[in-house]
Protein backbone atom coordinates (compact mmCIF):
# COMPACT_ATOMS: atom_id res chain seq x y z
CA MET A 1 0.00 0.00 0.00
CA SER A 2 2.88 2.32 0.71
CA GLY A 3 3.46 3.26 -2.86
CA PRO A 4 5.95 6.10 -3.11
CA VAL A 5 5.86 6.74 -6.85
CA PRO A 6 4.15 9.02 -9.35
CA ALA A 7 1.27 7.43 -11.23
CA ASP A 8 0.73 9.66 -14.25
CA ASP A 9 2.49 12.05 -16.59
CA ALA A 10 1.37 15.04 -14.55
CA VAL A 11 3.91 14.22 -11.85
CA ARG A 12 6.80 13.09 -14.05
CA PRO A 13 9.68 15.50 -14.65
CA PRO A 14 9.86 16.80 -18.23
CA SER A 15 12.78 15.73 -20.39
CA GLY A 16 15.63 18.04 -21.26
CA ALA A 17 18.09 20.11 -19.32
CA ALA A 18 15.59 22.34 -17.52
CA ARG A 19 13.69 19.68 -15.66
CA SER A 20 11.74 20.88 -12.66
CA SER A 21 10.30 19.16 -9.62
CA PRO A 22 6.54 18.71 -9.21
CA PHE A 23 7.22 20.03 -5.71
CA PRO A 24 8.03 23.75 -6.28
CA ARG A 25 11.07 24.75 -4.28
CA PRO A 26 10.46 27.49 -1.69
CA ARG A 27 12.60 30.58 -2.14
CA HIS A 28 14.08 30.66 1.33
CA GLY A 29 15.17 27.07 1.86
CA GLY A 30 14.24 24.95 4.81
CA PRO A 31 12.76 21.44 5.01
CA ALA A 32 10.29 22.05 2.17
CA ALA A 33 13.09 23.12 -0.18
CA ALA A 34 15.13 20.06 0.71
CA LEU A 35 12.14 17.82 0.07
CA ALA A 36 11.45 19.48 -3.28
CA ALA A 37 15.05 19.08 -4.42
CA ALA A 38 15.23 15.46 -3.27
CA SER A 39 11.93 14.72 -5.03
CA ALA A 40 13.27 16.03 -8.32
CA HIS A 41 16.24 13.68 -8.11
CA TYR A 42 14.01 10.75 -7.14
CA LEU A 43 11.66 11.30 -10.07
CA ARG A 44 14.61 11.31 -12.47
CA GLY A 45 15.77 7.99 -11.04
CA GLU A 46 18.83 9.57 -9.44
CA PRO A 47 20.33 8.74 -6.03
CA ILE A 48 19.81 11.11 -3.11
CA ASP A 49 23.28 12.25 -2.03
CA MET A 50 23.22 14.54 0.99
CA SER A 51 26.47 16.36 0.17
CA ALA A 52 25.33 17.07 -3.39
CA LEU A 53 21.89 18.09 -2.15
CA ALA A 54 23.36 20.54 0.35
CA ALA A 55 25.53 22.09 -2.37
CA GLU A 56 22.53 22.35 -4.69
CA LEU A 57 20.59 24.16 -1.97
CA GLY A 58 23.53 26.43 -1.19
CA VAL A 59 23.88 25.34 2.43
CA GLY A 60 26.27 23.23 4.47
CA ARG A 61 25.63 19.60 5.35
CA ALA A 62 25.00 20.55 8.98
CA THR A 63 22.22 22.91 7.92
CA LEU A 64 20.66 20.29 5.66
CA TYR A 65 20.69 17.71 8.42
CA ARG A 66 19.20 20.23 10.82
CA TRP A 67 16.35 20.78 8.33
CA VAL A 68 15.54 17.15 7.57
CA GLY A 69 17.13 14.99 10.26
CA SER A 70 18.88 11.98 8.78
CA ARG A 71 18.98 10.84 5.17
CA GLU A 72 16.50 8.11 6.06
CA GLN A 73 14.12 10.67 7.53
CA LEU A 74 14.32 12.71 4.33
CA LEU A 75 13.67 9.63 2.19
CA ALA A 76 10.74 8.61 4.40
CA ALA A 77 9.20 12.08 4.00
CA LEU A 78 9.79 11.98 0.25
CA LEU A 79 8.26 8.52 -0.13
CA GLY A 80 5.33 9.54 2.05
CA GLU A 81 4.61 12.48 -0.28
CA MET A 82 4.86 10.20 -3.31
CA THR A 83 2.52 7.71 -1.68
CA GLU A 84 -0.16 10.38 -1.27
CA ARG A 85 0.25 11.73 -4.80
CA THR A 86 0.03 8.23 -6.29
CA TYR A 87 -2.99 7.39 -4.15
CA ARG A 88 -4.87 10.52 -5.17
CA VAL A 89 -4.19 9.88 -8.85
CA ALA A 90 -5.37 6.28 -8.46
CA ALA A 91 -8.59 7.47 -6.78
CA ARG A 92 -9.64 9.67 -9.71
CA GLY A 93 -12.62 8.30 -11.54
CA VAL A 94 -12.94 5.11 -9.49
CA GLY A 95 -16.58 4.03 -9.64
CA GLY A 96 -18.69 1.75 -7.55
CA ALA A 97 -19.37 1.90 -3.84
CA GLY A 98 -18.39 0.16 -0.66
CA ALA A 99 -16.00 -2.77 -0.85
CA GLU A 100 -16.15 -2.79 -4.65
CA ARG A 101 -14.83 0.76 -4.81
CA ILE A 102 -12.12 0.18 -2.19
CA LEU A 103 -10.86 -2.92 -4.02
CA ALA A 104 -10.84 -1.13 -7.40
CA LEU A 105 -8.89 1.78 -5.90
CA LEU A 106 -6.36 -0.50 -4.23
CA GLU A 107 -5.80 -2.47 -7.42
CA ARG A 108 -5.15 0.70 -9.44
CA PHE A 109 -2.81 2.00 -6.76
CA MET A 110 -0.79 -1.21 -6.41
CA ARG A 111 -0.39 -1.72 -10.16
CA ALA A 112 0.77 1.89 -10.52
CA VAL A 113 3.33 1.34 -7.78
CA VAL A 114 4.91 -1.86 -9.08
CA GLY A 115 5.19 -0.49 -12.62
CA ALA A 116 6.74 2.88 -11.79
CA GLU A 117 10.26 3.58 -13.03
CA PRO A 118 11.43 5.89 -10.18
CA LEU A 119 10.65 3.20 -7.62
CA LYS A 120 12.41 0.54 -9.68
CA ALA A 121 15.53 2.71 -9.85
CA PHE A 122 15.46 3.35 -6.10
CA THR A 123 14.91 -0.28 -5.13
CA GLU A 124 17.66 -1.49 -7.46
CA ARG A 125 20.12 0.74 -5.59
CA GLU A 126 18.82 0.33 -2.05
CA PRO A 127 16.34 -2.56 -1.75
CA ARG A 128 16.86 -3.16 1.96
CA LEU A 129 16.46 0.48 2.86
CA PHE A 130 13.29 0.73 0.79
CA ILE A 131 11.72 -2.33 2.41
CA ARG A 132 12.56 -1.00 5.87
CA LEU A 133 11.05 2.41 5.11
CA ALA A 134 7.99 1.14 3.24
CA THR A 135 6.92 -1.79 5.40
CA MET A 136 7.92 -0.86 8.95
CA PRO A 137 5.74 1.38 11.14
CA GLY A 138 6.60 5.00 10.41
CA THR A 139 5.97 7.93 8.09
CA ILE A 140 4.98 6.01 4.96
CA GLU A 141 2.69 3.50 6.65
CA ASP A 142 1.07 6.29 8.69
CA ARG A 143 0.36 8.33 5.56
CA ALA A 144 -1.11 5.36 3.68
CA THR A 145 -3.20 4.33 6.69
CA GLU A 146 -4.61 7.83 7.09
CA LEU A 147 -5.58 8.04 3.41
CA LEU A 148 -7.25 4.65 3.39
CA ALA A 149 -9.02 5.25 6.71
CA ARG A 150 -10.65 8.36 5.23
CA GLU A 151 -11.75 6.38 2.19
CA LEU A 152 -13.22 3.60 4.33
CA GLN A 153 -14.99 6.03 6.62
CA ALA A 154 -16.55 7.86 3.66
CA GLU A 155 -18.03 4.56 2.44
CA ILE A 156 -19.26 3.74 5.95
CA ASP A 157 -20.84 7.17 6.36
CA ARG A 158 -22.85 6.83 3.16
CA GLY A 159 -24.08 3.38 4.14
CA ALA A 160 -22.14 1.50 1.45
CA LEU A 161 -19.80 -0.40 3.78
CA ARG A 162 -20.12 -2.26 7.05
CA THR A 163 -16.96 -3.41 8.80
CA ARG A 164 -15.98 -5.70 11.65
CA LEU A 165 -13.15 -3.47 12.89
CA PRO A 166 -12.63 0.19 13.79
CA THR A 167 -11.79 2.16 10.68
CA ARG A 168 -8.16 2.94 11.44
CA THR A 169 -7.42 -0.60 12.60
CA LEU A 170 -8.92 -1.96 9.38
CA ALA A 171 -7.00 0.55 7.26
CA GLN A 172 -3.71 -0.33 8.95
CA ALA A 173 -4.36 -4.05 8.46
CA ILE A 174 -5.09 -3.53 4.77
CA VAL A 175 -1.95 -1.44 4.31
CA ARG A 176 0.21 -4.13 5.89
CA VAL A 177 -1.42 -6.91 3.88
CA ALA A 178 -1.04 -4.95 0.65
CA ASP A 179 2.62 -4.18 1.35
CA SER A 180 3.52 -7.78 2.11
CA PHE A 181 2.05 -9.01 -1.18
CA MET A 182 2.90 -6.01 -3.34
CA TYR A 183 6.57 -6.17 -2.37
CA ALA A 184 6.79 -9.97 -2.30
CA HIS A 185 9.55 -9.91 -4.93
CA TYR A 186 11.74 -7.95 -2.51
CA LEU A 187 11.00 -10.38 0.33
CA GLY A 188 12.06 -13.61 -1.35
CA GLY A 189 9.17 -14.12 -3.77
CA LYS A 190 9.35 -14.16 -7.55
CA ARG A 191 6.94 -11.35 -8.39
CA PRO A 192 4.42 -8.91 -6.89
CA GLU A 193 1.28 -10.75 -5.75
CA ILE A 194 -1.43 -8.16 -6.27
CA ASP A 195 -4.26 -10.60 -6.96
CA GLN A 196 -3.53 -12.43 -3.71
CA ALA A 197 -3.49 -9.13 -1.81
CA LEU A 198 -6.92 -8.25 -3.18
CA GLU A 199 -8.31 -11.64 -2.18
CA VAL A 200 -7.24 -11.10 1.42
CA VAL A 201 -8.50 -7.51 1.50
CA GLU A 202 -11.85 -8.67 0.13
CA LEU A 203 -12.18 -10.96 3.15
CA LEU A 204 -11.33 -8.10 5.52
CA LEU A 205 -14.02 -5.95 3.90
CA ARG A 206 -16.83 -8.47 4.17
CA PRO A 207 -19.85 -7.08 6.08
CA CYS A 208 -20.10 -7.55 9.79
CA PRO A 209 -22.92 -9.92 10.79
CA GLY A 210 -26.21 -8.75 12.24
CA GLY A 211 -27.90 -5.40 11.95
CA GLY A 212 -25.93 -3.37 14.45
CA GLU A 213 -23.92 -0.26 13.71
CA SER A 214 -20.60 -0.77 11.97
CA PRO A 215 -17.79 -0.43 14.54
CA GLY A 216 -15.94 1.62 11.95
CA ALA A 217 -18.14 4.59 12.76
CA ALA A 218 -17.19 4.41 16.44
CA GLY A 219 -13.51 3.65 16.03
CA ARG A 220 -12.23 6.38 13.76
């Protein structure tokens, strides 16, 4: 579920020498400027080198680290931003309601993730770091869980979905299931297992028995 990649041409850097980031760089530096610069390199499939990034921003390494923390913290923030952008692109035009809509959205999102070139470039260089950032509790999982929890709650609120679990708990479970199958090829498997992920998520989304209120509404 934690899919830190762009999903359409609108967030890809243009070709040529004057390529710009989809994250406009603030004029006065700071964490947002560092994130914008790092994002531009990521989208071009380039490594994130802290010394080069500091020079590009016109500051010392100490200043850059003060802005963003460690390199891993910067990458986690970057991948969290990419996760949200990819998710929002995937959500455009998804039809249906309830579990059907959630499953269609997740399938679009996961297929966009595994086919994206910036992610492939990053994972070829640093597969272990990516798996640690994308599948362990932290910035990326939190962002994906928050996005999915909102989606689930919207379906619950309009009466299209009944769940057995509180909304955030269900969202977190789906994110972790999706990650384990989507990144199976980095965890010893041969290929991403998106169809299997959707089968498990479909079970998690089955209606709760009886006619009582969905616990999702009470456990936001």
